[in-house]
Amino acid sequence: MSFIRRQERALQRSRKVMEPEMCKVLLVDDDAAIREALEAVLVSGGHDVASIQDGPAALRAAVEIRPDVIISDVNMPQLEGPDAVRILKTLPRFYTLPVVLMSGAEPPVTGLAQFTLRKPVVVEQLLKLVGNLSWASTSPPRASQHPPPPPAYSSPDEGWNPALAIASLGPYSDTECAVRICRGIELMHAQAARIERLRSHKMNVEESVRLYDRLVESVASLVQYLPARATWLSERKRRGSR
């Protein structure tokens, strides 16, 4: 093999190593124009993008498609971006999921995101960022990681998949608390859709919004309580087996 041919092959191998791989991106923003623009940029960069308009839908989409990276707006009317991420981060399959938070103001320091961006987002910066994050998220899973759950429903019209949501809770999936968390997320999504329908008919949504806020608070409380509850049940079973 000639020297030139060897150099060409070496260059091709180096490009394969250096080029970021395509990854699944969950993009969340309540502004349709921004969402569509960023989706077009990411798709042009070779990424598979699920574009979502609010926090509750993001929770369901994350469970269903298992993204490699989440890019979320901070301020959204139904569920703030950091709150949605905080709920997801309690699930074992999302512990190490890379997150990018965007905000028109100075993004809050939450400890939930690997990076924060100010709007308007510089598209070159976003593409480079997602490409770098994809290295970690698309690397082969460690043997200690939980096996993936069964396939999800592919169409939003088919609705929420409680079995998949519960499976994503890993070691906590066999607890009553896990079932209630998944049911709470389901109710949040349904209530958000109900509010939008009422608004489209110019109806008063004040009471519906209050109910929605209580559902969010309930799910957040259950999420915080889940690890302690699972530990207590495990200890109880251990003592009972003696």
C-alpha atoms as a PDB file:
ATOM      1  CA  MET A   1       0.000   0.000   0.000  1.00  0.00           C
ATOM      2  CA  SER A   2       1.399   3.395  -0.948  1.00  0.00           C
ATOM      3  CA  PHE A   3       2.255   6.048   1.624  1.00  0.00           C
ATOM      4  CA  ILE A   4      -0.453   8.376   0.261  1.00  0.00           C
ATOM      5  CA  ARG A   5      -3.099   5.651   0.494  1.00  0.00           C
ATOM      6  CA  ARG A   6      -2.108   4.886   4.089  1.00  0.00           C
ATOM      7  CA  GLN A   7      -2.408   8.568   4.995  1.00  0.00           C
ATOM      8  CA  GLU A   8      -5.859   8.792   3.384  1.00  0.00           C
ATOM      9  CA  ARG A   9      -7.092   5.815   5.402  1.00  0.00           C
ATOM     10  CA  ALA A  10      -5.615   7.240   8.596  1.00  0.00           C
ATOM     11  CA  LEU A  11      -7.363  10.549   7.915  1.00  0.00           C
ATOM     12  CA  GLN A  12     -10.696   8.765   7.354  1.00  0.00           C
ATOM     13  CA  ARG A  13     -10.308   6.884  10.648  1.00  0.00           C
ATOM     14  CA  SER A  14      -9.471  10.082  12.514  1.00  0.00           C
ATOM     15  CA  ARG A  15     -12.543  11.809  11.089  1.00  0.00           C
ATOM     16  CA  LYS A  16     -14.766   8.977  12.287  1.00  0.00           C
ATOM     17  CA  VAL A  17     -13.301   9.338  15.765  1.00  0.00           C
ATOM     18  CA  MET A  18     -13.541  13.140  15.832  1.00  0.00           C
ATOM     19  CA  GLU A  19     -16.980  13.646  14.303  1.00  0.00           C
ATOM     20  CA  PRO A  20     -19.823  13.685  16.870  1.00  0.00           C
ATOM     21  CA  GLU A  21     -22.396  10.974  16.381  1.00  0.00           C
ATOM     22  CA  MET A  22     -26.056  11.647  15.733  1.00  0.00           C
ATOM     23  CA  CYS A  23     -28.046  11.678  18.942  1.00  0.00           C
ATOM     24  CA  LYS A  24     -31.676  11.894  19.992  1.00  0.00           C
ATOM     25  CA  VAL A  25     -32.496  15.377  21.237  1.00  0.00           C
ATOM     26  CA  LEU A  26     -35.567  16.278  23.291  1.00  0.00           C
ATOM     27  CA  LEU A  27     -36.214  19.972  22.585  1.00  0.00           C
ATOM     28  CA  VAL A  28     -38.673  21.723  24.916  1.00  0.00           C
ATOM     29  CA  ASP A  29     -39.892  25.294  24.424  1.00  0.00           C
ATOM     30  CA  ASP A  30     -43.362  26.835  24.630  1.00  0.00           C
ATOM     31  CA  ASP A  31     -42.484  29.370  21.906  1.00  0.00           C
ATOM     32  CA  ALA A  32     -43.393  27.653  18.623  1.00  0.00           C
ATOM     33  CA  ALA A  33     -41.199  29.921  16.484  1.00  0.00           C
ATOM     34  CA  ILE A  34     -38.086  29.319  18.594  1.00  0.00           C
ATOM     35  CA  ARG A  35     -38.851  25.613  18.818  1.00  0.00           C
ATOM     36  CA  GLU A  36     -39.192  25.246  15.055  1.00  0.00           C
ATOM     37  CA  ALA A  37     -36.042  27.254  14.350  1.00  0.00           C
ATOM     38  CA  LEU A  38     -33.896  25.266  16.770  1.00  0.00           C
ATOM     39  CA  GLU A  39     -35.356  21.989  15.544  1.00  0.00           C
ATOM     40  CA  ALA A  40     -34.378  22.894  11.956  1.00  0.00           C
ATOM     41  CA  VAL A  41     -30.831  23.729  13.074  1.00  0.00           C
ATOM     42  CA  LEU A  42     -30.428  20.466  15.008  1.00  0.00           C
ATOM     43  CA  VAL A  43     -31.882  18.347  12.217  1.00  0.00           C
ATOM     44  CA  SER A  44     -29.513  20.021   9.730  1.00  0.00           C
ATOM     45  CA  GLY A  45     -26.705  18.963  12.068  1.00  0.00           C
ATOM     46  CA  GLY A  46     -27.742  15.330  11.680  1.00  0.00           C
ATOM     47  CA  HIS A  47     -29.601  14.873  14.967  1.00  0.00           C
ATOM     48  CA  ASP A  48     -32.949  13.178  15.587  1.00  0.00           C
ATOM     49  CA  VAL A  49     -35.180  15.764  17.291  1.00  0.00           C
ATOM     50  CA  ALA A  50     -38.415  15.407  19.263  1.00  0.00           C
ATOM     51  CA  SER A  51     -39.919  18.873  19.584  1.00  0.00           C
ATOM     52  CA  ILE A  52     -42.156  19.346  22.639  1.00  0.00           C
ATOM     53  CA  GLN A  53     -44.183  22.391  23.714  1.00  0.00           C
ATOM     54  CA  ASP A  54     -44.410  22.049  27.512  1.00  0.00           C
ATOM     55  CA  GLY A  55     -43.051  20.414  30.650  1.00  0.00           C
ATOM     56  CA  PRO A  56     -45.695  17.697  31.153  1.00  0.00           C
ATOM     57  CA  ALA A  57     -45.358  16.560  27.541  1.00  0.00           C
ATOM     58  CA  ALA A  58     -41.569  16.562  28.012  1.00  0.00           C
ATOM     59  CA  LEU A  59     -41.879  14.145  30.942  1.00  0.00           C
ATOM     60  CA  ARG A  60     -43.927  11.731  28.867  1.00  0.00           C
ATOM     61  CA  ALA A  61     -41.706  12.103  25.782  1.00  0.00           C
ATOM     62  CA  ALA A  62     -38.529  11.516  27.803  1.00  0.00           C
ATOM     63  CA  VAL A  63     -39.903   8.279  29.208  1.00  0.00           C
ATOM     64  CA  GLU A  64     -41.075   7.130  25.784  1.00  0.00           C
ATOM     65  CA  ILE A  65     -38.122   8.019  23.521  1.00  0.00           C
ATOM     66  CA  ARG A  66     -35.220   8.015  26.010  1.00  0.00           C
ATOM     67  CA  PRO A  67     -33.292  10.999  24.557  1.00  0.00           C
ATOM     68  CA  ASP A  68     -29.522  11.379  24.616  1.00  0.00           C
ATOM     69  CA  VAL A  69     -29.723  15.124  25.359  1.00  0.00           C
ATOM     70  CA  ILE A  70     -32.443  17.445  26.665  1.00  0.00           C
ATOM     71  CA  ILE A  71     -32.528  21.102  25.588  1.00  0.00           C
ATOM     72  CA  SER A  72     -35.193  22.979  27.520  1.00  0.00           C
ATOM     73  CA  ASP A  73     -36.425  26.500  28.018  1.00  0.00           C
ATOM     74  CA  VAL A  74     -36.435  27.597  31.657  1.00  0.00           C
ATOM     75  CA  ASN A  75     -39.659  29.612  31.875  1.00  0.00           C
ATOM     76  CA  MET A  76     -42.746  27.768  30.643  1.00  0.00           C
ATOM     77  CA  PRO A  77     -46.366  28.275  31.699  1.00  0.00           C
ATOM     78  CA  GLN A  78     -47.343  24.739  32.727  1.00  0.00           C
ATOM     79  CA  LEU A  79     -44.187  23.257  34.215  1.00  0.00           C
ATOM     80  CA  GLU A  80     -40.892  25.104  34.468  1.00  0.00           C
ATOM     81  CA  GLY A  81     -38.018  23.502  32.579  1.00  0.00           C
ATOM     82  CA  PRO A  82     -35.873  22.944  35.700  1.00  0.00           C
ATOM     83  CA  ASP A  83     -38.851  21.360  37.519  1.00  0.00           C
ATOM     84  CA  ALA A  84     -39.435  18.888  34.684  1.00  0.00           C
ATOM     85  CA  VAL A  85     -35.725  18.022  34.622  1.00  0.00           C
ATOM     86  CA  ARG A  86     -35.682  17.646  38.414  1.00  0.00           C
ATOM     87  CA  ILE A  87     -38.476  15.062  38.216  1.00  0.00           C
ATOM     88  CA  LEU A  88     -36.711  13.151  35.440  1.00  0.00           C
ATOM     89  CA  LYS A  89     -33.384  13.174  37.274  1.00  0.00           C
ATOM     90  CA  THR A  90     -34.908  11.144  40.102  1.00  0.00           C
ATOM     91  CA  LEU A  91     -35.412   8.228  37.695  1.00  0.00           C
ATOM     92  CA  PRO A  92     -32.366   5.937  37.428  1.00  0.00           C
ATOM     93  CA  ARG A  93     -32.328   5.882  33.624  1.00  0.00           C
ATOM     94  CA  PHE A  94     -31.985   9.692  33.566  1.00  0.00           C
ATOM     95  CA  TYR A  95     -29.341  10.165  36.292  1.00  0.00           C
ATOM     96  CA  THR A  96     -26.585  11.066  33.829  1.00  0.00           C
ATOM     97  CA  LEU A  97     -28.711  12.502  31.020  1.00  0.00           C
ATOM     98  CA  PRO A  98     -27.042  15.684  29.680  1.00  0.00           C
ATOM     99  CA  VAL A  99     -29.232  18.786  29.966  1.00  0.00           C
ATOM    100  CA  VAL A 100     -28.977  22.243  28.394  1.00  0.00           C
ATOM    101  CA  LEU A 101     -31.216  24.979  29.834  1.00  0.00           C
ATOM    102  CA  MET A 102     -32.066  28.119  27.847  1.00  0.00           C
ATOM    103  CA  SER A 103     -33.394  31.443  29.095  1.00  0.00           C
ATOM    104  CA  GLY A 104     -33.927  34.967  27.846  1.00  0.00           C
ATOM    105  CA  ALA A 105     -32.694  36.196  31.236  1.00  0.00           C
ATOM    106  CA  GLU A 106     -29.663  34.985  33.169  1.00  0.00           C
ATOM    107  CA  PRO A 107     -30.238  31.205  33.509  1.00  0.00           C
ATOM    108  CA  PRO A 108     -30.648  30.060  37.117  1.00  0.00           C
ATOM    109  CA  VAL A 109     -27.933  28.017  38.825  1.00  0.00           C
ATOM    110  CA  THR A 110     -29.748  24.771  39.607  1.00  0.00           C
ATOM    111  CA  GLY A 111     -27.073  22.099  39.356  1.00  0.00           C
ATOM    112  CA  LEU A 112     -29.396  20.251  36.968  1.00  0.00           C
ATOM    113  CA  ALA A 113     -27.810  21.293  33.664  1.00  0.00           C
ATOM    114  CA  GLN A 114     -24.394  20.694  32.168  1.00  0.00           C
ATOM    115  CA  PHE A 115     -24.714  23.968  30.257  1.00  0.00           C
ATOM    116  CA  THR A 116     -26.917  27.054  30.189  1.00  0.00           C
ATOM    117  CA  LEU A 117     -27.495  29.316  27.178  1.00  0.00           C
ATOM    118  CA  ARG A 118     -28.844  32.839  26.847  1.00  0.00           C
ATOM    119  CA  LYS A 119     -31.481  33.506  24.220  1.00  0.00           C
ATOM    120  CA  PRO A 120     -31.240  34.271  21.374  1.00  0.00           C
ATOM    121  CA  VAL A 121     -29.160  31.110  21.033  1.00  0.00           C
ATOM    122  CA  VAL A 122     -26.115  31.156  18.740  1.00  0.00           C
ATOM    123  CA  VAL A 123     -26.812  28.188  16.467  1.00  0.00           C
ATOM    124  CA  GLU A 124     -23.154  27.322  15.901  1.00  0.00           C
ATOM    125  CA  GLN A 125     -22.629  27.191  19.654  1.00  0.00           C
ATOM    126  CA  LEU A 126     -25.693  24.979  20.111  1.00  0.00           C
ATOM    127  CA  LEU A 127     -24.593  22.497  17.441  1.00  0.00           C
ATOM    128  CA  LYS A 128     -21.094  22.265  18.880  1.00  0.00           C
ATOM    129  CA  LEU A 129     -22.505  21.813  22.369  1.00  0.00           C
ATOM    130  CA  VAL A 130     -24.893  19.023  21.373  1.00  0.00           C
ATOM    131  CA  GLY A 131     -22.147  17.338  19.382  1.00  0.00           C
ATOM    132  CA  ASN A 132     -19.843  17.322  22.407  1.00  0.00           C
ATOM    133  CA  LEU A 133     -22.572  16.086  24.732  1.00  0.00           C
ATOM    134  CA  SER A 134     -23.426  13.268  22.341  1.00  0.00           C
ATOM    135  CA  TRP A 135     -20.046  11.668  22.963  1.00  0.00           C
ATOM    136  CA  ALA A 136     -21.013  10.732  26.515  1.00  0.00           C
ATOM    137  CA  SER A 137     -24.668  10.002  25.898  1.00  0.00           C
ATOM    138  CA  THR A 138     -24.129   7.686  22.919  1.00  0.00           C
ATOM    139  CA  SER A 139     -21.232   5.730  24.431  1.00  0.00           C
ATOM    140  CA  PRO A 140     -21.851   2.007  25.110  1.00  0.00           C
ATOM    141  CA  PRO A 141     -23.721   1.453  28.402  1.00  0.00           C
ATOM    142  CA  ARG A 142     -21.928   0.048  31.407  1.00  0.00           C
ATOM    143  CA  ALA A 143     -22.825  -3.437  32.548  1.00  0.00           C
ATOM    144  CA  SER A 144     -24.213  -2.023  35.797  1.00  0.00           C
ATOM    145  CA  GLN A 145     -26.835   0.079  34.061  1.00  0.00           C
ATOM    146  CA  HIS A 146     -30.433  -1.048  34.098  1.00  0.00           C
ATOM    147  CA  PRO A 147     -31.625  -2.831  30.938  1.00  0.00           C
ATOM    148  CA  PRO A 148     -33.874  -0.771  28.657  1.00  0.00           C
ATOM    149  CA  PRO A 149     -37.622  -1.128  29.134  1.00  0.00           C
ATOM    150  CA  PRO A 150     -39.878  -2.580  26.460  1.00  0.00           C
ATOM    151  CA  PRO A 151     -40.692  -0.348  23.437  1.00  0.00           C
ATOM    152  CA  ALA A 152     -43.063   2.560  23.994  1.00  0.00           C
ATOM    153  CA  TYR A 153     -46.082   3.604  22.024  1.00  0.00           C
ATOM    154  CA  SER A 154     -44.910   5.631  19.052  1.00  0.00           C
ATOM    155  CA  SER A 155     -47.940   7.833  18.483  1.00  0.00           C
ATOM    156  CA  PRO A 156     -48.999  10.585  20.926  1.00  0.00           C
ATOM    157  CA  ASP A 157     -52.621   9.636  20.215  1.00  0.00           C
ATOM    158  CA  GLU A 158     -52.035   6.290  21.857  1.00  0.00           C
ATOM    159  CA  GLY A 159     -51.582   8.126  25.142  1.00  0.00           C
ATOM    160  CA  TRP A 160     -49.594   7.544  28.262  1.00  0.00           C
ATOM    161  CA  ASN A 161     -47.850   4.211  28.829  1.00  0.00           C
ATOM    162  CA  PRO A 162     -47.868   3.582  32.611  1.00  0.00           C
ATOM    163  CA  ALA A 163     -45.990   0.277  32.331  1.00  0.00           C
ATOM    164  CA  LEU A 164     -43.087   1.983  30.573  1.00  0.00           C
ATOM    165  CA  ALA A 165     -43.076   4.869  33.021  1.00  0.00           C
ATOM    166  CA  ILE A 166     -42.992   2.508  35.999  1.00  0.00           C
ATOM    167  CA  ALA A 167     -40.208   0.458  34.369  1.00  0.00           C
ATOM    168  CA  SER A 168     -38.102   3.617  34.086  1.00  0.00           C
ATOM    169  CA  LEU A 169     -38.091   3.913  37.884  1.00  0.00           C
ATOM    170  CA  GLY A 170     -35.679   0.970  38.057  1.00  0.00           C
ATOM    171  CA  PRO A 171     -35.224  -0.369  41.599  1.00  0.00           C
ATOM    172  CA  TYR A 172     -38.186   1.686  42.818  1.00  0.00           C
ATOM    173  CA  SER A 173     -40.597   0.303  40.226  1.00  0.00           C
ATOM    174  CA  ASP A 174     -42.245  -2.220  42.539  1.00  0.00           C
ATOM    175  CA  THR A 175     -43.382   0.354  45.089  1.00  0.00           C
ATOM    176  CA  GLU A 176     -46.807   1.909  45.503  1.00  0.00           C
ATOM    177  CA  CYS A 177     -45.104   5.312  45.482  1.00  0.00           C
ATOM    178  CA  ALA A 178     -43.756   4.680  41.956  1.00  0.00           C
ATOM    179  CA  VAL A 179     -47.246   3.866  40.709  1.00  0.00           C
ATOM    180  CA  ARG A 180     -48.581   7.085  42.215  1.00  0.00           C
ATOM    181  CA  ILE A 181     -45.803   9.161  40.637  1.00  0.00           C
ATOM    182  CA  CYS A 182     -46.588   7.788  37.197  1.00  0.00           C
ATOM    183  CA  ARG A 183     -50.300   8.286  37.743  1.00  0.00           C
ATOM    184  CA  GLY A 184     -49.611  11.852  38.887  1.00  0.00           C
ATOM    185  CA  ILE A 185     -47.632  12.623  35.720  1.00  0.00           C
ATOM    186  CA  GLU A 186     -50.458  11.156  33.667  1.00  0.00           C
ATOM    187  CA  LEU A 187     -52.976  13.400  35.437  1.00  0.00           C
ATOM    188  CA  MET A 188     -50.718  16.429  34.983  1.00  0.00           C
ATOM    189  CA  HIS A 189     -50.588  15.859  31.243  1.00  0.00           C
ATOM    190  CA  ALA A 190     -54.346  15.325  31.016  1.00  0.00           C
ATOM    191  CA  GLN A 191     -55.077  18.427  33.091  1.00  0.00           C
ATOM    192  CA  ALA A 192     -52.736  20.559  30.974  1.00  0.00           C
ATOM    193  CA  ALA A 193     -54.578  19.424  27.847  1.00  0.00           C
ATOM    194  CA  ARG A 194     -57.907  20.201  29.532  1.00  0.00           C
ATOM    195  CA  ILE A 195     -56.748  23.729  30.386  1.00  0.00           C
ATOM    196  CA  GLU A 196     -55.752  24.353  26.779  1.00  0.00           C
ATOM    197  CA  ARG A 197     -59.143  23.163  25.545  1.00  0.00           C
ATOM    198  CA  LEU A 198     -60.918  25.458  27.989  1.00  0.00           C
ATOM    199  CA  ARG A 199     -58.755  28.401  26.922  1.00  0.00           C
ATOM    200  CA  SER A 200     -59.471  27.708  23.268  1.00  0.00           C
ATOM    201  CA  HIS A 201     -63.188  28.114  24.079  1.00  0.00           C
ATOM    202  CA  LYS A 202     -62.526  31.376  25.992  1.00  0.00           C
ATOM    203  CA  MET A 203     -63.560  29.776  29.274  1.00  0.00           C
ATOM    204  CA  ASN A 204     -62.292  30.592  32.762  1.00  0.00           C
ATOM    205  CA  VAL A 205     -59.389  28.274  33.691  1.00  0.00           C
ATOM    206  CA  GLU A 206     -58.566  29.641  37.142  1.00  0.00           C
ATOM    207  CA  GLU A 207     -59.822  26.607  39.074  1.00  0.00           C
ATOM    208  CA  SER A 208     -58.318  24.204  36.525  1.00  0.00           C
ATOM    209  CA  VAL A 209     -54.927  25.889  36.863  1.00  0.00           C
ATOM    210  CA  ARG A 210     -55.112  25.614  40.654  1.00  0.00           C
ATOM    211  CA  LEU A 211     -55.832  21.894  40.346  1.00  0.00           C
ATOM    212  CA  TYR A 212     -52.930  21.538  37.959  1.00  0.00           C
ATOM    213  CA  ASP A 213     -50.577  23.288  40.390  1.00  0.00           C
ATOM    214  CA  ARG A 214     -51.655  20.911  43.159  1.00  0.00           C
ATOM    215  CA  LEU A 215     -50.916  17.939  40.902  1.00  0.00           C
ATOM    216  CA  VAL A 216     -47.426  19.291  40.211  1.00  0.00           C
ATOM    217  CA  GLU A 217     -46.791  19.768  43.920  1.00  0.00           C
ATOM    218  CA  SER A 218     -48.054  16.259  44.626  1.00  0.00           C
ATOM    219  CA  VAL A 219     -45.773  14.650  42.047  1.00  0.00           C
ATOM    220  CA  ALA A 220     -42.794  16.686  43.260  1.00  0.00           C
ATOM    221  CA  SER A 221     -43.436  15.567  46.848  1.00  0.00           C
ATOM    222  CA  LEU A 222     -43.751  11.920  45.814  1.00  0.00           C
ATOM    223  CA  VAL A 223     -40.539  12.124  43.798  1.00  0.00           C
ATOM    224  CA  GLN A 224     -38.635  13.465  46.798  1.00  0.00           C
ATOM    225  CA  TYR A 225     -40.174  10.798  49.026  1.00  0.00           C
ATOM    226  CA  LEU A 226     -39.530   7.860  46.661  1.00  0.00           C
ATOM    227  CA  PRO A 227     -35.942   6.868  47.630  1.00  0.00           C
ATOM    228  CA  ALA A 228     -36.684   7.031  51.366  1.00  0.00           C
ATOM    229  CA  ARG A 229     -39.871   5.003  50.900  1.00  0.00           C
ATOM    230  CA  ALA A 230     -38.035   2.373  48.831  1.00  0.00           C
ATOM    231  CA  THR A 231     -35.297   2.099  51.473  1.00  0.00           C
ATOM    232  CA  TRP A 232     -37.886   1.690  54.219  1.00  0.00           C
ATOM    233  CA  LEU A 233     -39.698  -1.069  52.317  1.00  0.00           C
ATOM    234  CA  SER A 234     -36.425  -2.854  51.583  1.00  0.00           C
ATOM    235  CA  GLU A 235     -35.441  -2.757  55.247  1.00  0.00           C
ATOM    236  CA  ARG A 236     -38.878  -3.969  56.246  1.00  0.00           C
ATOM    237  CA  LYS A 237     -38.646  -6.943  53.867  1.00  0.00           C
ATOM    238  CA  ARG A 238     -35.158  -7.756  55.111  1.00  0.00           C
ATOM    239  CA  ARG A 239     -36.275  -7.805  58.720  1.00  0.00           C
ATOM    240  CA  GLY A 240     -39.335  -9.867  57.850  1.00  0.00           C
ATOM    241  CA  SER A 241     -37.206 -12.543  56.161  1.00  0.00           C
ATOM    242  CA  ARG A 242     -35.174 -13.171  59.289  1.00  0.00           C
END
